[in-house]
Amino acid sequence: MYEIKRRYELLDELLKELIKCSDEGDIILVEGKRDVSSLRSLGIHGIIKKVTHIPLLDLSEKLRDMDRCVIILTDWDRRGNILADKISSDLEYMDVDVDTSIRNRLVSLVQKEIKDVESLDSHMKKMKHTVLQQYY
């Protein structure tokens, strides 16, 4: 059970870091509206952009013009990994500050339990419930 508690703590710290980055103006990229809803319910109030339904070149140009750090937070399935790599390459080519480290750390903490951003809020609630049940 200690492992669950430790992973919950690490995940909570990571989400606090994501909230801080968002509050400071970083832009978070996700795949769809359910991802946006999940992040909003976790307390992220900054700019979250969906990468679907817009050509990647147009998206990259808009993000370049915004002159902010971009946090890529696509799902960690095959499609999400391909999107993350493509977007990251495009943005770096345009000299946009890109952060993939949060996504990488998130994946390492949750990939065995969930496969997408939209499940993140419910996963956190479940983990919190488990931790509280076991330790309090």
C-alpha atoms as a PDB file:
ATOM      1  CA  MET A   1       0.000   0.000   0.000  1.00  0.00           C
ATOM      2  CA  TYR A   2       2.934   2.342   0.553  1.00  0.00           C
ATOM      3  CA  GLU A   3       3.529   2.343  -3.208  1.00  0.00           C
ATOM      4  CA  ILE A   4       0.009   3.621  -3.896  1.00  0.00           C
ATOM      5  CA  LYS A   5       0.434   6.394  -1.348  1.00  0.00           C
ATOM      6  CA  ARG A   6       3.813   7.392  -2.769  1.00  0.00           C
ATOM      7  CA  ARG A   7       2.518   7.407  -6.357  1.00  0.00           C
ATOM      8  CA  TYR A   8      -0.481   9.474  -5.261  1.00  0.00           C
ATOM      9  CA  GLU A   9       1.838  11.998  -3.604  1.00  0.00           C
ATOM     10  CA  LEU A  10       4.064  12.198  -6.695  1.00  0.00           C
ATOM     11  CA  LEU A  11       1.030  12.610  -8.944  1.00  0.00           C
ATOM     12  CA  ASP A  12      -0.394  15.301  -6.681  1.00  0.00           C
ATOM     13  CA  GLU A  13       2.928  17.190  -6.778  1.00  0.00           C
ATOM     14  CA  LEU A  14       3.010  16.895 -10.565  1.00  0.00           C
ATOM     15  CA  LEU A  15      -0.519  18.269 -10.869  1.00  0.00           C
ATOM     16  CA  LYS A  16       0.377  21.180  -8.587  1.00  0.00           C
ATOM     17  CA  GLU A  17       3.329  21.902 -10.876  1.00  0.00           C
ATOM     18  CA  LEU A  18       1.002  21.789 -13.895  1.00  0.00           C
ATOM     19  CA  ILE A  19      -1.439  24.174 -12.189  1.00  0.00           C
ATOM     20  CA  LYS A  20       1.428  26.562 -11.393  1.00  0.00           C
ATOM     21  CA  CYS A  21       2.692  26.487 -14.985  1.00  0.00           C
ATOM     22  CA  SER A  22      -0.808  27.104 -16.282  1.00  0.00           C
ATOM     23  CA  ASP A  23      -1.364  29.974 -13.844  1.00  0.00           C
ATOM     24  CA  GLU A  24       1.905  31.526 -15.050  1.00  0.00           C
ATOM     25  CA  GLY A  25       0.663  31.548 -18.649  1.00  0.00           C
ATOM     26  CA  ASP A  26       1.888  28.277 -20.131  1.00  0.00           C
ATOM     27  CA  ILE A  27      -0.441  26.748 -22.707  1.00  0.00           C
ATOM     28  CA  ILE A  28      -1.521  23.128 -22.308  1.00  0.00           C
ATOM     29  CA  LEU A  29      -2.264  21.055 -25.411  1.00  0.00           C
ATOM     30  CA  VAL A  30      -4.701  18.135 -25.180  1.00  0.00           C
ATOM     31  CA  GLU A  31      -6.582  16.001 -27.676  1.00  0.00           C
ATOM     32  CA  GLY A  32     -10.237  16.627 -26.890  1.00  0.00           C
ATOM     33  CA  LYS A  33     -12.959  18.260 -24.822  1.00  0.00           C
ATOM     34  CA  ARG A  34     -13.064  15.474 -22.221  1.00  0.00           C
ATOM     35  CA  ASP A  35      -9.365  16.070 -21.582  1.00  0.00           C
ATOM     36  CA  VAL A  36     -10.138  19.750 -21.013  1.00  0.00           C
ATOM     37  CA  SER A  37     -12.954  18.847 -18.594  1.00  0.00           C
ATOM     38  CA  SER A  38     -10.695  16.495 -16.657  1.00  0.00           C
ATOM     39  CA  LEU A  39      -7.977  19.118 -16.264  1.00  0.00           C
ATOM     40  CA  ARG A  40     -10.500  21.786 -15.288  1.00  0.00           C
ATOM     41  CA  SER A  41     -11.895  19.525 -12.560  1.00  0.00           C
ATOM     42  CA  LEU A  42      -8.326  19.086 -11.270  1.00  0.00           C
ATOM     43  CA  GLY A  43      -8.021  22.854 -10.804  1.00  0.00           C
ATOM     44  CA  ILE A  44      -6.293  23.945 -13.996  1.00  0.00           C
ATOM     45  CA  HIS A  45      -7.777  27.275 -15.046  1.00  0.00           C
ATOM     46  CA  GLY A  46      -5.299  28.550 -17.634  1.00  0.00           C
ATOM     47  CA  ILE A  47      -5.256  28.168 -21.414  1.00  0.00           C
ATOM     48  CA  ILE A  48      -5.960  24.641 -22.638  1.00  0.00           C
ATOM     49  CA  LYS A  49      -6.064  24.106 -26.389  1.00  0.00           C
ATOM     50  CA  LYS A  50      -7.377  21.068 -28.249  1.00  0.00           C
ATOM     51  CA  VAL A  51      -5.062  19.842 -30.985  1.00  0.00           C
ATOM     52  CA  THR A  52      -7.733  17.978 -32.922  1.00  0.00           C
ATOM     53  CA  HIS A  53      -9.921  19.613 -35.577  1.00  0.00           C
ATOM     54  CA  ILE A  54      -7.239  22.133 -36.538  1.00  0.00           C
ATOM     55  CA  PRO A  55      -4.359  21.588 -38.963  1.00  0.00           C
ATOM     56  CA  LEU A  56      -1.136  21.199 -36.992  1.00  0.00           C
ATOM     57  CA  LEU A  57       0.620  23.863 -39.056  1.00  0.00           C
ATOM     58  CA  ASP A  58      -2.094  26.417 -38.203  1.00  0.00           C
ATOM     59  CA  LEU A  59      -1.929  25.425 -34.544  1.00  0.00           C
ATOM     60  CA  SER A  60       1.864  25.701 -34.502  1.00  0.00           C
ATOM     61  CA  GLU A  61       1.762  29.158 -36.076  1.00  0.00           C
ATOM     62  CA  LYS A  62      -0.838  30.393 -33.561  1.00  0.00           C
ATOM     63  CA  LEU A  63       1.196  29.050 -30.667  1.00  0.00           C
ATOM     64  CA  ARG A  64       4.376  30.644 -32.029  1.00  0.00           C
ATOM     65  CA  ASP A  65       2.606  33.999 -32.181  1.00  0.00           C
ATOM     66  CA  MET A  66       1.442  33.649 -28.549  1.00  0.00           C
ATOM     67  CA  ASP A  67       5.092  33.456 -27.405  1.00  0.00           C
ATOM     68  CA  ARG A  68       4.444  31.214 -24.404  1.00  0.00           C
ATOM     69  CA  CYS A  69       5.743  27.873 -23.206  1.00  0.00           C
ATOM     70  CA  VAL A  70       3.626  24.998 -24.528  1.00  0.00           C
ATOM     71  CA  ILE A  71       3.019  21.891 -22.432  1.00  0.00           C
ATOM     72  CA  ILE A  72       2.129  18.875 -24.550  1.00  0.00           C
ATOM     73  CA  LEU A  73      -0.326  16.643 -22.710  1.00  0.00           C
ATOM     74  CA  THR A  74      -1.676  14.249 -25.302  1.00  0.00           C
ATOM     75  CA  ASP A  75      -2.787  10.736 -24.353  1.00  0.00           C
ATOM     76  CA  TRP A  76      -0.171   7.994 -24.051  1.00  0.00           C
ATOM     77  CA  ASP A  77      -1.708   5.617 -26.547  1.00  0.00           C
ATOM     78  CA  ARG A  78      -0.217   5.158 -30.018  1.00  0.00           C
ATOM     79  CA  ARG A  79      -2.087   8.111 -31.528  1.00  0.00           C
ATOM     80  CA  GLY A  80      -1.249  10.391 -28.604  1.00  0.00           C
ATOM     81  CA  ASN A  81       2.434   9.493 -28.779  1.00  0.00           C
ATOM     82  CA  ILE A  82       2.549  10.205 -32.516  1.00  0.00           C
ATOM     83  CA  LEU A  83       0.751  13.532 -31.985  1.00  0.00           C
ATOM     84  CA  ALA A  84       3.108  14.523 -29.160  1.00  0.00           C
ATOM     85  CA  ASP A  85       6.166  13.801 -31.289  1.00  0.00           C
ATOM     86  CA  LYS A  86       4.785  15.648 -34.325  1.00  0.00           C
ATOM     87  CA  ILE A  87       3.624  18.695 -32.390  1.00  0.00           C
ATOM     88  CA  SER A  88       6.851  18.855 -30.417  1.00  0.00           C
ATOM     89  CA  SER A  89       8.941  18.712 -33.597  1.00  0.00           C
ATOM     90  CA  ASP A  90       6.856  21.361 -35.342  1.00  0.00           C
ATOM     91  CA  LEU A  91       6.947  23.747 -32.396  1.00  0.00           C
ATOM     92  CA  GLU A  92      10.652  23.304 -31.737  1.00  0.00           C
ATOM     93  CA  TYR A  93      11.304  23.999 -35.435  1.00  0.00           C
ATOM     94  CA  MET A  94       9.428  27.286 -34.968  1.00  0.00           C
ATOM     95  CA  ASP A  95      11.489  28.115 -31.851  1.00  0.00           C
ATOM     96  CA  VAL A  96       8.560  27.655 -29.462  1.00  0.00           C
ATOM     97  CA  ASP A  97       9.457  26.653 -25.894  1.00  0.00           C
ATOM     98  CA  VAL A  98       8.023  23.120 -25.551  1.00  0.00           C
ATOM     99  CA  ASP A  99       7.642  21.090 -22.359  1.00  0.00           C
ATOM    100  CA  THR A 100       7.157  17.335 -22.681  1.00  0.00           C
ATOM    101  CA  SER A 101       8.639  16.484 -19.290  1.00  0.00           C
ATOM    102  CA  ILE A 102       5.330  16.792 -17.423  1.00  0.00           C
ATOM    103  CA  ARG A 103       3.686  14.376 -19.860  1.00  0.00           C
ATOM    104  CA  ASN A 104       6.602  11.950 -19.553  1.00  0.00           C
ATOM    105  CA  ARG A 105       6.486  11.988 -15.749  1.00  0.00           C
ATOM    106  CA  LEU A 106       2.709  11.634 -15.786  1.00  0.00           C
ATOM    107  CA  VAL A 107       2.910   8.624 -18.080  1.00  0.00           C
ATOM    108  CA  SER A 108       5.481   6.950 -15.843  1.00  0.00           C
ATOM    109  CA  LEU A 109       3.137   7.323 -12.858  1.00  0.00           C
ATOM    110  CA  VAL A 110      -0.187   6.231 -14.386  1.00  0.00           C
ATOM    111  CA  GLN A 111       0.303   4.268 -17.614  1.00  0.00           C
ATOM    112  CA  LYS A 112      -0.484   0.947 -15.951  1.00  0.00           C
ATOM    113  CA  GLU A 113      -3.861   2.174 -14.688  1.00  0.00           C
ATOM    114  CA  ILE A 114      -5.123   4.693 -17.261  1.00  0.00           C
ATOM    115  CA  LYS A 115      -4.323   5.526 -20.875  1.00  0.00           C
ATOM    116  CA  ASP A 116      -5.593   9.063 -21.328  1.00  0.00           C
ATOM    117  CA  VAL A 117      -5.887  12.539 -19.856  1.00  0.00           C
ATOM    118  CA  GLU A 118      -9.672  12.356 -19.608  1.00  0.00           C
ATOM    119  CA  SER A 119      -9.383   9.602 -16.961  1.00  0.00           C
ATOM    120  CA  LEU A 120      -6.972  11.582 -14.826  1.00  0.00           C
ATOM    121  CA  ASP A 121      -9.485  13.298 -12.539  1.00  0.00           C
ATOM    122  CA  SER A 122     -11.387  10.092 -11.737  1.00  0.00           C
ATOM    123  CA  HIS A 123      -8.084   8.241 -11.245  1.00  0.00           C
ATOM    124  CA  MET A 124      -6.912  10.877  -8.744  1.00  0.00           C
ATOM    125  CA  LYS A 125     -10.197  10.638  -6.839  1.00  0.00           C
ATOM    126  CA  LYS A 126      -9.935   6.860  -6.712  1.00  0.00           C
ATOM    127  CA  MET A 127      -6.324   6.963  -5.545  1.00  0.00           C
ATOM    128  CA  LYS A 128      -7.143   9.562  -2.883  1.00  0.00           C
ATOM    129  CA  HIS A 129     -10.019   7.436  -1.617  1.00  0.00           C
ATOM    130  CA  THR A 130      -7.747   4.362  -1.434  1.00  0.00           C
ATOM    131  CA  VAL A 131      -5.019   6.271   0.394  1.00  0.00           C
ATOM    132  CA  LEU A 132      -7.461   7.787   2.878  1.00  0.00           C
ATOM    133  CA  GLN A 133      -9.062   4.394   3.515  1.00  0.00           C
ATOM    134  CA  GLN A 134      -5.722   2.711   4.181  1.00  0.00           C
ATOM    135  CA  TYR A 135      -3.934   5.374   6.175  1.00  0.00           C
ATOM    136  CA  TYR A 136      -6.608   7.251   8.109  1.00  0.00           C
END
